[in-house]
Amino acid sequence: MSRDLRPPVDILHYEIVQEQASALGRMGRALEQSLTRLREFDAAHAATGTPDSMQPARRKLVMEAGHALWMFVVQREATGLRDSRHIMRTYNVPGEVQRCMGLGPSKPA
């Protein structure tokens, strides 16, 4: 039977860092997926433009991407990575998604 001779605090710190990295990966993948759905929607309507009847569906995709971006940025900041410009460039995040980052869905009046 092997015994880990590291102090318990070191073992705990290692587990926390592992979970932070895992969560960061999940949030990054969620952002990629939401941006892909938005880009696919836009590509499908590129030739004709998005009809007025489809604007709510597109707005929902933008809001979902904004939420995913918010979650990713918060997770990064929790790990000490404070500069979000790298995310915006790497993931090619559209300005409209950046502007709605962190906004909750609006409630109908």
C-alpha atoms as a PDB file:
ATOM      1  CA  MET A   1       0.000   0.000   0.000  1.00  0.00           C
ATOM      2  CA  SER A   2       1.568   3.289  -1.090  1.00  0.00           C
ATOM      3  CA  ARG A   3       1.120   6.412   0.963  1.00  0.00           C
ATOM      4  CA  ASP A   4       1.309   9.956  -0.363  1.00  0.00           C
ATOM      5  CA  LEU A   5       3.790  11.793   1.826  1.00  0.00           C
ATOM      6  CA  ARG A   6       2.827  15.287   0.710  1.00  0.00           C
ATOM      7  CA  PRO A   7       1.135  17.527   3.241  1.00  0.00           C
ATOM      8  CA  PRO A   8      -2.678  17.418   3.012  1.00  0.00           C
ATOM      9  CA  VAL A   9      -2.816  21.088   1.998  1.00  0.00           C
ATOM     10  CA  ASP A  10      -0.632  20.333  -1.052  1.00  0.00           C
ATOM     11  CA  ILE A  11      -2.890  17.463  -2.044  1.00  0.00           C
ATOM     12  CA  LEU A  12      -5.966  19.694  -1.678  1.00  0.00           C
ATOM     13  CA  HIS A  13      -4.339  22.477  -3.686  1.00  0.00           C
ATOM     14  CA  TYR A  14      -3.545  20.004  -6.477  1.00  0.00           C
ATOM     15  CA  GLU A  15      -7.175  18.822  -6.562  1.00  0.00           C
ATOM     16  CA  ILE A  16      -8.458  22.413  -6.687  1.00  0.00           C
ATOM     17  CA  VAL A  17      -6.145  23.322  -9.558  1.00  0.00           C
ATOM     18  CA  GLN A  18      -7.244  20.208 -11.452  1.00  0.00           C
ATOM     19  CA  GLU A  19     -10.900  21.156 -11.056  1.00  0.00           C
ATOM     20  CA  GLN A  20     -10.218  24.753 -12.128  1.00  0.00           C
ATOM     21  CA  ALA A  21      -8.514  23.511 -15.287  1.00  0.00           C
ATOM     22  CA  SER A  22     -11.349  21.110 -16.003  1.00  0.00           C
ATOM     23  CA  ALA A  23     -13.990  23.815 -15.515  1.00  0.00           C
ATOM     24  CA  LEU A  24     -12.022  26.192 -17.718  1.00  0.00           C
ATOM     25  CA  GLY A  25     -11.966  23.570 -20.465  1.00  0.00           C
ATOM     26  CA  ARG A  26     -15.714  22.974 -20.168  1.00  0.00           C
ATOM     27  CA  MET A  27     -16.459  26.694 -20.338  1.00  0.00           C
ATOM     28  CA  GLY A  28     -14.185  27.113 -23.367  1.00  0.00           C
ATOM     29  CA  ARG A  29     -15.895  24.261 -25.197  1.00  0.00           C
ATOM     30  CA  ALA A  30     -19.317  25.696 -24.361  1.00  0.00           C
ATOM     31  CA  LEU A  31     -18.267  29.053 -25.812  1.00  0.00           C
ATOM     32  CA  GLU A  32     -16.940  27.381 -28.968  1.00  0.00           C
ATOM     33  CA  GLN A  33     -20.192  25.465 -29.414  1.00  0.00           C
ATOM     34  CA  SER A  34     -22.420  28.493 -28.933  1.00  0.00           C
ATOM     35  CA  LEU A  35     -20.343  30.575 -31.359  1.00  0.00           C
ATOM     36  CA  THR A  36     -20.482  27.733 -33.886  1.00  0.00           C
ATOM     37  CA  ARG A  37     -24.297  27.608 -33.652  1.00  0.00           C
ATOM     38  CA  LEU A  38     -24.471  31.379 -34.226  1.00  0.00           C
ATOM     39  CA  ARG A  39     -22.063  31.233 -37.185  1.00  0.00           C
ATOM     40  CA  GLU A  40     -23.963  28.323 -38.739  1.00  0.00           C
ATOM     41  CA  PHE A  41     -27.221  30.235 -38.396  1.00  0.00           C
ATOM     42  CA  ASP A  42     -25.672  33.297 -40.026  1.00  0.00           C
ATOM     43  CA  ALA A  43     -24.151  31.201 -42.822  1.00  0.00           C
ATOM     44  CA  ALA A  44     -27.512  29.605 -43.552  1.00  0.00           C
ATOM     45  CA  HIS A  45     -29.053  33.061 -43.993  1.00  0.00           C
ATOM     46  CA  ALA A  46     -26.072  34.809 -45.594  1.00  0.00           C
ATOM     47  CA  ALA A  47     -27.424  34.886 -49.135  1.00  0.00           C
ATOM     48  CA  THR A  48     -30.875  36.214 -48.332  1.00  0.00           C
ATOM     49  CA  GLY A  49     -30.316  37.929 -45.003  1.00  0.00           C
ATOM     50  CA  THR A  50     -32.058  36.958 -41.820  1.00  0.00           C
ATOM     51  CA  PRO A  51     -35.812  37.403 -42.267  1.00  0.00           C
ATOM     52  CA  ASP A  52     -37.680  39.333 -39.586  1.00  0.00           C
ATOM     53  CA  SER A  53     -39.409  36.142 -38.477  1.00  0.00           C
ATOM     54  CA  MET A  54     -36.016  34.594 -37.653  1.00  0.00           C
ATOM     55  CA  GLN A  55     -34.613  37.567 -35.724  1.00  0.00           C
ATOM     56  CA  PRO A  56     -35.804  36.255 -32.321  1.00  0.00           C
ATOM     57  CA  ALA A  57     -34.060  32.917 -32.981  1.00  0.00           C
ATOM     58  CA  ARG A  58     -30.851  34.723 -33.914  1.00  0.00           C
ATOM     59  CA  ARG A  59     -31.103  36.993 -30.886  1.00  0.00           C
ATOM     60  CA  LYS A  60     -31.443  33.906 -28.689  1.00  0.00           C
ATOM     61  CA  LEU A  61     -28.245  32.468 -30.185  1.00  0.00           C
ATOM     62  CA  VAL A  62     -26.425  35.764 -29.560  1.00  0.00           C
ATOM     63  CA  MET A  63     -27.627  35.804 -25.940  1.00  0.00           C
ATOM     64  CA  GLU A  64     -26.575  32.171 -25.421  1.00  0.00           C
ATOM     65  CA  ALA A  65     -23.121  32.970 -26.807  1.00  0.00           C
ATOM     66  CA  GLY A  66     -22.954  36.040 -24.553  1.00  0.00           C
ATOM     67  CA  HIS A  67     -23.780  33.912 -21.540  1.00  0.00           C
ATOM     68  CA  ALA A  68     -21.173  31.298 -22.503  1.00  0.00           C
ATOM     69  CA  LEU A  69     -18.616  34.072 -22.958  1.00  0.00           C
ATOM     70  CA  TRP A  70     -19.469  35.476 -19.525  1.00  0.00           C
ATOM     71  CA  MET A  71     -19.083  32.078 -17.875  1.00  0.00           C
ATOM     72  CA  PHE A  72     -15.714  31.537 -19.567  1.00  0.00           C
ATOM     73  CA  VAL A  73     -14.413  34.985 -18.626  1.00  0.00           C
ATOM     74  CA  VAL A  74     -15.497  34.544 -15.005  1.00  0.00           C
ATOM     75  CA  GLN A  75     -13.845  31.129 -14.808  1.00  0.00           C
ATOM     76  CA  ARG A  76     -10.627  32.513 -16.282  1.00  0.00           C
ATOM     77  CA  GLU A  77     -10.635  35.412 -13.844  1.00  0.00           C
ATOM     78  CA  ALA A  78     -11.172  33.003 -10.954  1.00  0.00           C
ATOM     79  CA  THR A  79      -7.921  31.319 -11.937  1.00  0.00           C
ATOM     80  CA  GLY A  80      -6.071  34.645 -12.125  1.00  0.00           C
ATOM     81  CA  LEU A  81      -6.232  35.188 -15.896  1.00  0.00           C
ATOM     82  CA  ARG A  82      -7.590  38.720 -16.023  1.00  0.00           C
ATOM     83  CA  ASP A  83      -7.002  39.837 -19.638  1.00  0.00           C
ATOM     84  CA  SER A  84      -9.972  38.839 -21.802  1.00  0.00           C
ATOM     85  CA  ARG A  85      -8.632  40.328 -25.040  1.00  0.00           C
ATOM     86  CA  HIS A  86      -6.932  37.017 -25.798  1.00  0.00           C
ATOM     87  CA  ILE A  87     -10.296  35.219 -25.652  1.00  0.00           C
ATOM     88  CA  MET A  88     -11.935  37.724 -27.962  1.00  0.00           C
ATOM     89  CA  ARG A  89      -9.185  37.319 -30.570  1.00  0.00           C
ATOM     90  CA  THR A  90      -8.686  33.563 -30.261  1.00  0.00           C
ATOM     91  CA  TYR A  91     -12.378  32.693 -30.421  1.00  0.00           C
ATOM     92  CA  ASN A  92     -13.144  35.553 -32.849  1.00  0.00           C
ATOM     93  CA  VAL A  93     -16.023  36.689 -30.643  1.00  0.00           C
ATOM     94  CA  PRO A  94     -18.349  39.077 -32.510  1.00  0.00           C
ATOM     95  CA  GLY A  95     -18.862  42.512 -31.001  1.00  0.00           C
ATOM     96  CA  GLU A  96     -22.578  41.933 -30.502  1.00  0.00           C
ATOM     97  CA  VAL A  97     -21.795  38.856 -28.386  1.00  0.00           C
ATOM     98  CA  GLN A  98     -19.250  40.819 -26.355  1.00  0.00           C
ATOM     99  CA  ARG A  99     -21.804  43.580 -25.735  1.00  0.00           C
ATOM    100  CA  CYS A 100     -24.396  41.181 -24.332  1.00  0.00           C
ATOM    101  CA  MET A 101     -21.879  39.255 -22.216  1.00  0.00           C
ATOM    102  CA  GLY A 102     -23.356  38.699 -18.788  1.00  0.00           C
ATOM    103  CA  LEU A 103     -26.796  40.024 -19.625  1.00  0.00           C
ATOM    104  CA  GLY A 104     -29.648  37.853 -18.528  1.00  0.00           C
ATOM    105  CA  PRO A 105     -32.601  37.188 -20.788  1.00  0.00           C
ATOM    106  CA  SER A 106     -35.049  40.069 -20.889  1.00  0.00           C
ATOM    107  CA  LYS A 107     -38.448  39.413 -19.408  1.00  0.00           C
ATOM    108  CA  PRO A 108     -41.449  40.202 -21.541  1.00  0.00           C
ATOM    109  CA  ALA A 109     -43.434  43.208 -20.335  1.00  0.00           C
END
